[in-house]
Amino acid sequence: MKYFVIGDQDTVLGFNLAGVEGRIVSGKEETEAAFSDALNIPDAAIVVITEKCAALIREELENYLFTKDFPLIVEIPDRSGPDPGRPSLKQTINAAIGIKL
């Protein structure tokens, strides 16, 4: 089971320090290519992508999320923090289980 990270330089290098392979991207085309490559890794179980990169390929990402089981796609904030319009992880969990943690 492998992880793969897609994002800015700081995020990818941080994950590399923990032994996670990844790709530094800076635009839509690079993000699309990295996402496609990540999906073609045979034993990839989790693809971590920064929120800003995910926003660049939102339509492709959502098409994948609603049709496939693996790998799991996890969006994380980059070093500048979470996007203001997105719910926090705690808010998402509270909505999913119906109780406040």
Protein backbone atom coordinates (compact mmCIF):
# COMPACT_ATOMS: atom_id res chain seq x y z
CA MET A 1 0.00 0.00 0.00
CA LYS A 2 1.49 3.29 -1.13
CA TYR A 3 0.76 6.95 -0.62
CA PHE A 4 1.30 9.60 -3.28
CA VAL A 5 1.17 13.37 -2.74
CA ILE A 6 0.43 16.13 -5.26
CA GLY A 7 0.98 19.75 -4.32
CA ASP A 8 3.30 22.68 -3.86
CA GLN A 9 7.00 22.30 -3.16
CA ASP A 10 6.74 22.60 0.64
CA THR A 11 3.97 20.01 0.91
CA VAL A 12 5.62 17.46 -1.35
CA LEU A 13 9.05 17.88 0.25
CA GLY A 14 7.51 17.50 3.72
CA PHE A 15 5.85 14.25 2.71
CA ASN A 16 9.08 13.11 1.03
CA LEU A 17 10.80 13.41 4.42
CA ALA A 18 8.33 10.83 5.70
CA GLY A 19 9.07 8.54 2.75
CA VAL A 20 6.02 9.43 0.66
CA GLU A 21 6.54 9.77 -3.08
CA GLY A 22 4.98 12.76 -4.80
CA ARG A 23 4.97 15.35 -7.53
CA ILE A 24 5.41 19.12 -7.28
CA VAL A 25 2.93 20.92 -9.53
CA SER A 26 2.25 24.55 -10.34
CA GLY A 27 -0.57 24.63 -12.87
CA LYS A 28 -3.61 22.84 -14.18
CA GLU A 29 -1.81 20.77 -16.84
CA GLU A 30 0.85 19.59 -14.39
CA THR A 31 -1.81 18.75 -11.81
CA GLU A 32 -3.87 16.78 -14.33
CA ALA A 33 -0.78 14.83 -15.42
CA ALA A 34 0.27 14.12 -11.81
CA PHE A 35 -3.25 12.97 -10.89
CA SER A 36 -3.39 10.67 -13.90
CA ASP A 37 0.02 9.22 -13.04
CA ALA A 38 -1.00 8.72 -9.41
CA LEU A 39 -4.09 6.77 -10.46
CA ASN A 40 -1.89 4.49 -12.58
CA ILE A 41 0.36 3.44 -9.69
CA PRO A 42 -0.68 -0.19 -9.18
CA ASP A 43 -0.46 -0.34 -5.39
CA ALA A 44 -1.41 3.26 -4.57
CA ALA A 45 -3.98 3.29 -1.77
CA ILE A 46 -4.13 6.99 -0.88
CA VAL A 47 -3.51 10.07 -3.02
CA VAL A 48 -3.02 13.24 -0.98
CA ILE A 49 -3.63 16.47 -2.90
CA THR A 50 -3.58 20.05 -1.66
CA GLU A 51 -6.86 21.96 -1.76
CA LYS A 52 -5.46 24.50 -4.21
CA CYS A 53 -4.32 21.80 -6.63
CA ALA A 54 -7.63 19.97 -6.25
CA ALA A 55 -9.47 23.18 -7.14
CA LEU A 56 -7.57 23.29 -10.45
CA ILE A 57 -8.94 19.87 -11.48
CA ARG A 58 -12.20 19.87 -9.47
CA GLU A 59 -14.39 18.40 -12.24
CA GLU A 60 -11.98 15.55 -13.03
CA LEU A 61 -11.45 14.89 -9.32
CA GLU A 62 -15.17 14.71 -8.54
CA ASN A 63 -15.84 12.46 -11.53
CA TYR A 64 -13.24 10.08 -10.13
CA LEU A 65 -14.49 10.31 -6.53
CA PHE A 66 -18.04 9.34 -7.47
CA THR A 67 -17.11 6.40 -9.70
CA LYS A 68 -14.10 4.64 -8.13
CA ASP A 69 -13.27 3.08 -4.77
CA PHE A 70 -9.45 3.17 -4.80
CA PRO A 71 -7.19 4.92 -4.36
CA LEU A 72 -8.71 7.12 -1.68
CA ILE A 73 -8.31 10.84 -2.47
CA VAL A 74 -7.58 13.11 0.50
CA GLU A 75 -7.51 16.89 0.20
CA ILE A 76 -5.33 18.80 2.65
CA PRO A 77 -4.52 22.49 3.11
CA ASP A 78 -1.12 23.72 1.97
CA ARG A 79 1.22 25.78 4.13
CA SER A 80 -0.97 28.89 3.76
CA GLY A 81 -3.83 27.15 5.59
CA PRO A 82 -7.28 25.92 4.61
CA ASP A 83 -9.32 27.60 1.87
CA PRO A 84 -11.84 29.93 3.53
CA GLY A 85 -14.90 28.53 1.73
CA ARG A 86 -14.24 24.86 2.56
CA PRO A 87 -15.58 23.18 5.70
CA SER A 88 -13.00 21.98 8.21
CA LEU A 89 -12.35 18.30 8.77
CA LYS A 90 -14.21 18.51 12.09
CA GLN A 91 -17.27 20.09 10.40
CA THR A 92 -17.24 17.39 7.72
CA ILE A 93 -17.10 14.59 10.30
CA ASN A 94 -19.87 16.19 12.36
CA ALA A 95 -22.10 16.40 9.28
CA ALA A 96 -21.30 12.82 8.27
CA ILE A 97 -22.09 11.23 11.62
CA GLY A 98 -24.78 13.66 12.73
CA ILE A 99 -23.30 14.57 16.12
CA LYS A 100 -20.86 17.18 17.34
CA LEU A 101 -17.45 16.00 18.45
